[in-house]
Structures are given as structure tokens and as C-alpha cells.
Amino acid sequence: MSELLHFSEHTLQEVALGFMALVYTIRIIWFLGFKAGGDRQAETGPPSTTPAKGVLYSWANIAMPWAMESTRRQYILYAQFVVFHIGVTAAIALSFIIPYGPGLLENQASVLILQIIIGGAFLVGVVRFVRRVGNRYMRAISSPDDYFSLVLLTVWFFFAFLAVPNQTSGGEWHLLGFFIMTAFFLVYVPFSKISHYLYYPFTRYYLGKTMGHRGVYPVGRA
């Protein structure tokens, strides 16, 4: 392993991760400074529906495609969403496994599973980019950050796929590419649309509490 690769796998990642943690901490403190407005509507609905149950239902909504018409009718898009985000999780895990637990990649089954997951996410990224460019409605609501983030993530998946075996017999360019891009993401993500996951627990909490108070969440079945 070259000194540059060692620096990219350790020092560079640790500094970038610390920077992201600092920015996120500041943003969360700022976010918590805003108090949610009180609901002036009287509590309605059956006694079984409460704000606490509404919050739990709202948090779990992401894993219930049948709960929203958009995902219920567009199950292929939901499947793409699942594959894409599992791929993100796997690639993030890989950035820790290679420097701190490389022994896990000595198992060929583990390597194959990671490559299937990350490779699937790469293909979804390509499909999503084509859809965003080819669909005039998607183009109308897309910002430069949408295109940049999607292209960057897709290229990152490509390097992650190559980096999974953690081999340098053919050179280190794929590992360097993966870790340099990972460090860039750690610095860039807090300022991009990708950071939407940071707000998910808070926004869904407020929505679930309000809808539970109004007797809407959890959604009843006829």
C-alpha cells in the first residue's frame, strides 16, 4: 500500500468525517431552535389514534409503500429507491470495512454480495439519470444540484464496486478514486440535497404528531 492510499483510507476519511459531524451538529442545534407550532384543531378520530402512534406510523412510512398512492402505483420506482439506498449503505460500510476490517473481504461470498448490492445501485443510478434527463416533468423540477449529486453518486458506486475485493495487484487507482470521492462526499453532503435524510426524523415527527392529533395517522383500513 502506498503512502497516498494509506492517507486516503485513514487521515483523509477521518478529517472529512469529523468535518461532516461538526456541520451536522451545528445544523441540528439550529434546527431544534425552531419550535413546532401548536395544532389549533381539536383532537379528533377514534381513541386508538394518538399523537404517539402517529409519530411511529410517520417514521415507518418509508418502509410502507402501500401507505402512499405514489409508491403504491409506482412500485418499480419504489424498488429502485430501495436498491439505491441499500447500495448507499453498503458503500458507506465499505469505506469503514476496507481500512478497519479488511478481513471481512477475504470471504468471497461477502465480496460477491457487496458487489451485487453496489452494482445494482449503480445501474439504478444510470436509470435515474436517464429518466431525469429524458422526462420533461423531471427536468422542470430538477436543479443543478440534482444532476450533480446523482452523477457523483453513480460514479461513486462504480468505484465502490471495483474497490470491494480490496486488491491492488492491478494498481491502486480504483481504491484511491473510491476513498477520495468518499471524502469529498463527507464534506459536500451537508450542503447538498443529499442531506435530506438528516431532517427525515424531525419532519416526520412533527407530521406524525399533528396527524395523530387529528385522528389521521395511523391510516385506518376499511
C-alpha atoms as a PDB file:
ATOM      1  CA  MET A   1       0.000   0.000   0.000  1.00  0.00           C
ATOM      2  CA  SER A   2       1.342   3.413  -0.993  1.00  0.00           C
ATOM      3  CA  GLU A   3       1.510   6.328   1.422  1.00  0.00           C
ATOM      4  CA  LEU A   4      -1.141   8.149  -0.644  1.00  0.00           C
ATOM      5  CA  LEU A   5      -3.581   5.251  -0.369  1.00  0.00           C
ATOM      6  CA  HIS A   6      -2.952   4.911   3.373  1.00  0.00           C
ATOM      7  CA  PHE A   7      -3.550   8.649   3.796  1.00  0.00           C
ATOM      8  CA  SER A   8      -6.764   8.429   1.717  1.00  0.00           C
ATOM      9  CA  GLU A   9      -8.109   5.465   3.687  1.00  0.00           C
ATOM     10  CA  HIS A  10      -7.357   6.866   7.139  1.00  0.00           C
ATOM     11  CA  THR A  11      -6.382  10.501   7.715  1.00  0.00           C
ATOM     12  CA  LEU A  12      -8.406  11.950   4.840  1.00  0.00           C
ATOM     13  CA  GLN A  13     -11.538   9.993   5.796  1.00  0.00           C
ATOM     14  CA  GLU A  14     -11.213  10.823   9.488  1.00  0.00           C
ATOM     15  CA  VAL A  15     -10.820  14.566   8.868  1.00  0.00           C
ATOM     16  CA  ALA A  16     -13.720  14.626   6.401  1.00  0.00           C
ATOM     17  CA  LEU A  17     -15.914  12.590   8.761  1.00  0.00           C
ATOM     18  CA  GLY A  18     -15.116  14.945  11.638  1.00  0.00           C
ATOM     19  CA  PHE A  19     -15.990  17.945   9.460  1.00  0.00           C
ATOM     20  CA  MET A  20     -19.331  16.411   8.489  1.00  0.00           C
ATOM     21  CA  ALA A  21     -20.136  15.590  12.126  1.00  0.00           C
ATOM     22  CA  LEU A  22     -19.360  19.182  13.137  1.00  0.00           C
ATOM     23  CA  VAL A  23     -21.553  20.680  10.423  1.00  0.00           C
ATOM     24  CA  TYR A  24     -24.405  18.280  11.204  1.00  0.00           C
ATOM     25  CA  THR A  25     -24.182  19.071  14.909  1.00  0.00           C
ATOM     26  CA  ILE A  26     -24.427  22.804  14.180  1.00  0.00           C
ATOM     27  CA  ARG A  27     -27.358  22.282  11.823  1.00  0.00           C
ATOM     28  CA  ILE A  28     -29.262  20.098  14.277  1.00  0.00           C
ATOM     29  CA  ILE A  29     -28.749  22.623  17.079  1.00  0.00           C
ATOM     30  CA  TRP A  30     -30.008  25.350  14.740  1.00  0.00           C
ATOM     31  CA  PHE A  31     -32.934  23.195  13.632  1.00  0.00           C
ATOM     32  CA  LEU A  32     -34.002  22.435  17.205  1.00  0.00           C
ATOM     33  CA  GLY A  33     -34.139  26.177  17.889  1.00  0.00           C
ATOM     34  CA  PHE A  34     -37.420  26.339  15.951  1.00  0.00           C
ATOM     35  CA  LYS A  35     -40.409  25.190  17.969  1.00  0.00           C
ATOM     36  CA  ALA A  36     -43.242  23.443  16.188  1.00  0.00           C
ATOM     37  CA  GLY A  37     -46.470  25.414  16.102  1.00  0.00           C
ATOM     38  CA  GLY A  38     -49.385  24.162  18.165  1.00  0.00           C
ATOM     39  CA  ASP A  39     -52.287  22.494  16.419  1.00  0.00           C
ATOM     40  CA  ARG A  40     -55.407  24.585  16.909  1.00  0.00           C
ATOM     41  CA  GLN A  41     -57.713  21.859  15.672  1.00  0.00           C
ATOM     42  CA  ALA A  42     -59.434  19.865  18.370  1.00  0.00           C
ATOM     43  CA  GLU A  43     -58.322  16.260  18.844  1.00  0.00           C
ATOM     44  CA  THR A  44     -60.435  14.061  16.617  1.00  0.00           C
ATOM     45  CA  GLY A  45     -60.626  10.480  15.468  1.00  0.00           C
ATOM     46  CA  PRO A  46     -61.013   7.210  17.353  1.00  0.00           C
ATOM     47  CA  PRO A  47     -59.362   6.784  20.769  1.00  0.00           C
ATOM     48  CA  SER A  48     -56.962   4.254  19.258  1.00  0.00           C
ATOM     49  CA  THR A  49     -55.320   7.017  17.208  1.00  0.00           C
ATOM     50  CA  THR A  50     -52.914   9.144  19.260  1.00  0.00           C
ATOM     51  CA  PRO A  51     -50.062  11.559  18.506  1.00  0.00           C
ATOM     52  CA  ALA A  52     -47.544   8.940  19.718  1.00  0.00           C
ATOM     53  CA  LYS A  53     -48.927   6.307  17.333  1.00  0.00           C
ATOM     54  CA  GLY A  54     -48.997   8.927  14.595  1.00  0.00           C
ATOM     55  CA  VAL A  55     -45.292   9.601  15.074  1.00  0.00           C
ATOM     56  CA  LEU A  56     -44.405   5.897  14.893  1.00  0.00           C
ATOM     57  CA  TYR A  57     -46.544   5.470  11.787  1.00  0.00           C
ATOM     58  CA  SER A  58     -44.971   8.520  10.166  1.00  0.00           C
ATOM     59  CA  TRP A  59     -41.430   7.310  10.868  1.00  0.00           C
ATOM     60  CA  ALA A  60     -42.253   3.875   9.435  1.00  0.00           C
ATOM     61  CA  ASN A  61     -43.883   5.346   6.335  1.00  0.00           C
ATOM     62  CA  ILE A  62     -40.691   4.969   4.322  1.00  0.00           C
ATOM     63  CA  ALA A  63     -40.932   1.180   4.682  1.00  0.00           C
ATOM     64  CA  MET A  64     -44.646   1.032   3.811  1.00  0.00           C
ATOM     65  CA  PRO A  65     -45.006   1.555   0.044  1.00  0.00           C
ATOM     66  CA  TRP A  66     -48.698   0.663   0.272  1.00  0.00           C
ATOM     67  CA  ALA A  67     -49.349   3.677   2.521  1.00  0.00           C
ATOM     68  CA  MET A  68     -48.853   6.289  -0.222  1.00  0.00           C
ATOM     69  CA  GLU A  69     -50.508   6.374  -3.620  1.00  0.00           C
ATOM     70  CA  SER A  70     -47.285   7.424  -5.367  1.00  0.00           C
ATOM     71  CA  THR A  71     -45.370   4.336  -4.214  1.00  0.00           C
ATOM     72  CA  ARG A  72     -48.406   2.053  -4.326  1.00  0.00           C
ATOM     73  CA  ARG A  73     -48.952   2.831  -8.024  1.00  0.00           C
ATOM     74  CA  GLN A  74     -45.258   3.148  -8.943  1.00  0.00           C
ATOM     75  CA  TYR A  75     -43.840   0.040  -7.319  1.00  0.00           C
ATOM     76  CA  ILE A  76     -40.922  -0.120  -9.784  1.00  0.00           C
ATOM     77  CA  LEU A  77     -39.788   3.358  -8.715  1.00  0.00           C
ATOM     78  CA  TYR A  78     -40.062   2.292  -5.085  1.00  0.00           C
ATOM     79  CA  ALA A  79     -37.965  -0.810  -5.812  1.00  0.00           C
ATOM     80  CA  GLN A  80     -35.346   1.454  -7.398  1.00  0.00           C
ATOM     81  CA  PHE A  81     -35.443   3.658  -4.308  1.00  0.00           C
ATOM     82  CA  VAL A  82     -34.794   0.651  -2.054  1.00  0.00           C
ATOM     83  CA  VAL A  83     -31.936  -0.737  -4.168  1.00  0.00           C
ATOM     84  CA  PHE A  84     -30.332   2.704  -4.484  1.00  0.00           C
ATOM     85  CA  HIS A  85     -30.367   3.463  -0.766  1.00  0.00           C
ATOM     86  CA  ILE A  86     -29.244  -0.032   0.257  1.00  0.00           C
ATOM     87  CA  GLY A  87     -26.363   0.493  -2.159  1.00  0.00           C
ATOM     88  CA  VAL A  88     -25.505   3.780  -0.434  1.00  0.00           C
ATOM     89  CA  THR A  89     -25.481   1.991   2.927  1.00  0.00           C
ATOM     90  CA  ALA A  90     -23.272  -0.801   1.574  1.00  0.00           C
ATOM     91  CA  ALA A  91     -20.793   1.653   0.021  1.00  0.00           C
ATOM     92  CA  ILE A  92     -20.591   3.648   3.250  1.00  0.00           C
ATOM     93  CA  ALA A  93     -19.981   0.428   5.184  1.00  0.00           C
ATOM     94  CA  LEU A  94     -17.270  -0.494   2.658  1.00  0.00           C
ATOM     95  CA  SER A  95     -15.421   2.756   3.406  1.00  0.00           C
ATOM     96  CA  PHE A  96     -15.056   1.528   7.006  1.00  0.00           C
ATOM     97  CA  ILE A  97     -14.531  -2.172   6.259  1.00  0.00           C
ATOM     98  CA  ILE A  98     -11.524  -1.711   3.962  1.00  0.00           C
ATOM     99  CA  PRO A  99      -9.362   0.320   6.393  1.00  0.00           C
ATOM    100  CA  TYR A 100     -10.586  -1.141   9.701  1.00  0.00           C
ATOM    101  CA  GLY A 101     -11.886  -4.638   8.935  1.00  0.00           C
ATOM    102  CA  PRO A 102     -10.308  -5.865   5.694  1.00  0.00           C
ATOM    103  CA  GLY A 103     -10.516  -9.442   6.903  1.00  0.00           C
ATOM    104  CA  LEU A 104     -14.248  -9.405   6.166  1.00  0.00           C
ATOM    105  CA  LEU A 105     -13.437  -9.118   2.462  1.00  0.00           C
ATOM    106  CA  GLU A 106     -11.371 -12.313   2.455  1.00  0.00           C
ATOM    107  CA  ASN A 107     -14.678 -14.176   2.273  1.00  0.00           C
ATOM    108  CA  GLN A 108     -15.640 -14.400  -1.404  1.00  0.00           C
ATOM    109  CA  ALA A 109     -19.326 -14.627  -0.537  1.00  0.00           C
ATOM    110  CA  SER A 110     -19.131 -11.258   1.248  1.00  0.00           C
ATOM    111  CA  VAL A 111     -17.366  -9.728  -1.743  1.00  0.00           C
ATOM    112  CA  LEU A 112     -19.991 -11.084  -4.131  1.00  0.00           C
ATOM    113  CA  ILE A 113     -22.905  -9.853  -2.012  1.00  0.00           C
ATOM    114  CA  LEU A 114     -21.431  -6.358  -1.721  1.00  0.00           C
ATOM    115  CA  GLN A 115     -20.741  -6.189  -5.440  1.00  0.00           C
ATOM    116  CA  ILE A 116     -24.279  -7.293  -6.289  1.00  0.00           C
ATOM    117  CA  ILE A 117     -25.777  -4.658  -3.982  1.00  0.00           C
ATOM    118  CA  ILE A 118     -23.475  -1.836  -5.097  1.00  0.00           C
ATOM    119  CA  GLY A 119     -23.646  -2.876  -8.741  1.00  0.00           C
ATOM    120  CA  GLY A 120     -27.451  -2.828  -8.570  1.00  0.00           C
ATOM    121  CA  ALA A 121     -27.322   0.683  -7.079  1.00  0.00           C
ATOM    122  CA  PHE A 122     -25.028   1.776  -9.916  1.00  0.00           C
ATOM    123  CA  LEU A 123     -27.496   0.530 -12.525  1.00  0.00           C
ATOM    124  CA  VAL A 124     -30.362   2.295 -10.734  1.00  0.00           C
ATOM    125  CA  GLY A 125     -28.291   5.488 -10.733  1.00  0.00           C
ATOM    126  CA  VAL A 126     -27.886   5.254 -14.510  1.00  0.00           C
ATOM    127  CA  VAL A 127     -31.621   4.631 -14.958  1.00  0.00           C
ATOM    128  CA  ARG A 128     -32.480   7.557 -12.684  1.00  0.00           C
ATOM    129  CA  PHE A 129     -30.192   9.895 -14.603  1.00  0.00           C
ATOM    130  CA  VAL A 130     -31.694   8.877 -17.952  1.00  0.00           C
ATOM    131  CA  ARG A 131     -35.193   9.379 -16.526  1.00  0.00           C
ATOM    132  CA  ARG A 132     -34.321  12.793 -15.077  1.00  0.00           C
ATOM    133  CA  VAL A 133     -32.858  13.959 -18.381  1.00  0.00           C
ATOM    134  CA  GLY A 134     -35.439  12.328 -20.637  1.00  0.00           C
ATOM    135  CA  ASN A 135     -38.624  13.212 -18.731  1.00  0.00           C
ATOM    136  CA  ARG A 136     -39.670  16.838 -19.283  1.00  0.00           C
ATOM    137  CA  TYR A 137     -41.507  16.933 -15.952  1.00  0.00           C
ATOM    138  CA  MET A 138     -38.404  15.752 -14.109  1.00  0.00           C
ATOM    139  CA  ARG A 139     -36.301  18.313 -15.967  1.00  0.00           C
ATOM    140  CA  ALA A 140     -38.692  21.074 -14.927  1.00  0.00           C
ATOM    141  CA  ILE A 141     -38.251  20.375 -11.211  1.00  0.00           C
ATOM    142  CA  SER A 142     -34.546  19.480 -11.290  1.00  0.00           C
ATOM    143  CA  SER A 143     -31.830  21.810 -10.033  1.00  0.00           C
ATOM    144  CA  PRO A 144     -28.114  21.675 -10.930  1.00  0.00           C
ATOM    145  CA  ASP A 145     -27.517  20.007  -7.551  1.00  0.00           C
ATOM    146  CA  ASP A 146     -29.933  17.206  -8.522  1.00  0.00           C
ATOM    147  CA  TYR A 147     -27.878  16.345 -11.594  1.00  0.00           C
ATOM    148  CA  PHE A 148     -24.515  16.816  -9.883  1.00  0.00           C
ATOM    149  CA  SER A 149     -25.435  14.700  -6.852  1.00  0.00           C
ATOM    150  CA  LEU A 150     -26.909  11.897  -8.948  1.00  0.00           C
ATOM    151  CA  VAL A 151     -23.950  11.727 -11.340  1.00  0.00           C
ATOM    152  CA  LEU A 152     -21.488  11.860  -8.460  1.00  0.00           C
ATOM    153  CA  LEU A 153     -23.274   9.084  -6.558  1.00  0.00           C
ATOM    154  CA  THR A 154     -23.439   6.896  -9.658  1.00  0.00           C
ATOM    155  CA  VAL A 155     -19.697   7.314 -10.343  1.00  0.00           C
ATOM    156  CA  TRP A 156     -19.020   6.649  -6.646  1.00  0.00           C
ATOM    157  CA  PHE A 157     -20.932   3.367  -6.914  1.00  0.00           C
ATOM    158  CA  PHE A 158     -18.747   2.431  -9.888  1.00  0.00           C
ATOM    159  CA  PHE A 159     -15.541   2.941  -7.897  1.00  0.00           C
ATOM    160  CA  ALA A 160     -17.044   1.210  -4.849  1.00  0.00           C
ATOM    161  CA  PHE A 161     -17.895  -1.826  -6.994  1.00  0.00           C
ATOM    162  CA  LEU A 162     -14.269  -2.048  -8.148  1.00  0.00           C
ATOM    163  CA  ALA A 163     -12.928  -1.436  -4.636  1.00  0.00           C
ATOM    164  CA  VAL A 164     -14.861  -4.260  -2.955  1.00  0.00           C
ATOM    165  CA  PRO A 165     -12.221  -7.000  -3.474  1.00  0.00           C
ATOM    166  CA  ASN A 166      -9.656  -4.621  -1.866  1.00  0.00           C
ATOM    167  CA  GLN A 167      -6.894  -5.731  -4.225  1.00  0.00           C
ATOM    168  CA  THR A 168      -4.000  -3.670  -5.554  1.00  0.00           C
ATOM    169  CA  SER A 169      -2.481  -6.160  -7.967  1.00  0.00           C
ATOM    170  CA  GLY A 170      -3.768  -4.115 -10.890  1.00  0.00           C
ATOM    171  CA  GLY A 171      -2.935  -0.781  -9.329  1.00  0.00           C
ATOM    172  CA  GLU A 172      -4.464   1.449  -6.657  1.00  0.00           C
ATOM    173  CA  TRP A 173      -6.402   3.867  -8.866  1.00  0.00           C
ATOM    174  CA  HIS A 174      -9.812   2.310  -8.089  1.00  0.00           C
ATOM    175  CA  LEU A 175      -9.235   2.393  -4.319  1.00  0.00           C
ATOM    176  CA  LEU A 176      -7.875   5.930  -4.473  1.00  0.00           C
ATOM    177  CA  GLY A 177     -10.866   7.003  -6.544  1.00  0.00           C
ATOM    178  CA  PHE A 178     -13.293   5.450  -4.084  1.00  0.00           C
ATOM    179  CA  PHE A 179     -11.757   6.961  -0.952  1.00  0.00           C
ATOM    180  CA  ILE A 180     -11.119  10.401  -2.447  1.00  0.00           C
ATOM    181  CA  MET A 181     -14.741  10.545  -3.642  1.00  0.00           C
ATOM    182  CA  THR A 182     -15.943   9.316  -0.240  1.00  0.00           C
ATOM    183  CA  ALA A 183     -14.039  12.123   1.482  1.00  0.00           C
ATOM    184  CA  PHE A 184     -15.475  14.647  -0.958  1.00  0.00           C
ATOM    185  CA  PHE A 185     -18.986  13.388  -0.211  1.00  0.00           C
ATOM    186  CA  LEU A 186     -18.448  13.719   3.523  1.00  0.00           C
ATOM    187  CA  VAL A 187     -17.632  17.402   3.026  1.00  0.00           C
ATOM    188  CA  TYR A 188     -20.178  18.095   0.279  1.00  0.00           C
ATOM    189  CA  VAL A 189     -23.246  16.200   1.509  1.00  0.00           C
ATOM    190  CA  PRO A 190     -24.129  18.519   4.450  1.00  0.00           C
ATOM    191  CA  PHE A 191     -24.559  21.365   1.954  1.00  0.00           C
ATOM    192  CA  SER A 192     -26.436  19.415  -0.742  1.00  0.00           C
ATOM    193  CA  LYS A 193     -29.880  17.932  -1.212  1.00  0.00           C
ATOM    194  CA  ILE A 194     -28.472  14.562  -0.142  1.00  0.00           C
ATOM    195  CA  SER A 195     -28.674  15.754   3.463  1.00  0.00           C
ATOM    196  CA  HIS A 196     -32.472  15.367   3.347  1.00  0.00           C
ATOM    197  CA  TYR A 197     -32.069  12.205   5.432  1.00  0.00           C
ATOM    198  CA  LEU A 198     -30.875  14.382   8.327  1.00  0.00           C
ATOM    199  CA  TYR A 199     -34.260  16.082   8.519  1.00  0.00           C
ATOM    200  CA  TYR A 200     -36.403  12.982   7.992  1.00  0.00           C
ATOM    201  CA  PRO A 201     -36.759  12.059  11.713  1.00  0.00           C
ATOM    202  CA  PHE A 202     -37.691  15.641  12.650  1.00  0.00           C
ATOM    203  CA  THR A 203     -40.120  16.426   9.842  1.00  0.00           C
ATOM    204  CA  ARG A 204     -41.845  13.052  10.091  1.00  0.00           C
ATOM    205  CA  TYR A 205     -42.094  13.510  13.864  1.00  0.00           C
ATOM    206  CA  TYR A 206     -43.918  16.809  13.525  1.00  0.00           C
ATOM    207  CA  LEU A 207     -46.143  15.477  10.736  1.00  0.00           C
ATOM    208  CA  GLY A 208     -46.967  12.277  12.613  1.00  0.00           C
ATOM    209  CA  LYS A 209     -47.709  14.101  15.858  1.00  0.00           C
ATOM    210  CA  THR A 210     -50.057  16.531  14.089  1.00  0.00           C
ATOM    211  CA  MET A 211     -51.807  13.879  12.026  1.00  0.00           C
ATOM    212  CA  GLY A 212     -52.126  11.619  15.063  1.00  0.00           C
ATOM    213  CA  HIS A 213     -53.679  14.511  16.991  1.00  0.00           C
ATOM    214  CA  ARG A 214     -56.170  14.972  14.180  1.00  0.00           C
ATOM    215  CA  GLY A 215     -57.011  11.278  14.022  1.00  0.00           C
ATOM    216  CA  VAL A 216     -55.484  10.762  10.570  1.00  0.00           C
ATOM    217  CA  TYR A 217     -52.391   8.720  11.474  1.00  0.00           C
ATOM    218  CA  PRO A 218     -52.226   5.760  11.596  1.00  0.00           C
ATOM    219  CA  VAL A 219     -54.357   5.424   8.482  1.00  0.00           C
ATOM    220  CA  GLY A 220     -57.383   3.235   9.171  1.00  0.00           C
ATOM    221  CA  ARG A 221     -58.344   0.356   6.932  1.00  0.00           C
ATOM    222  CA  ALA A 222     -61.900  -0.076   5.748  1.00  0.00           C
END
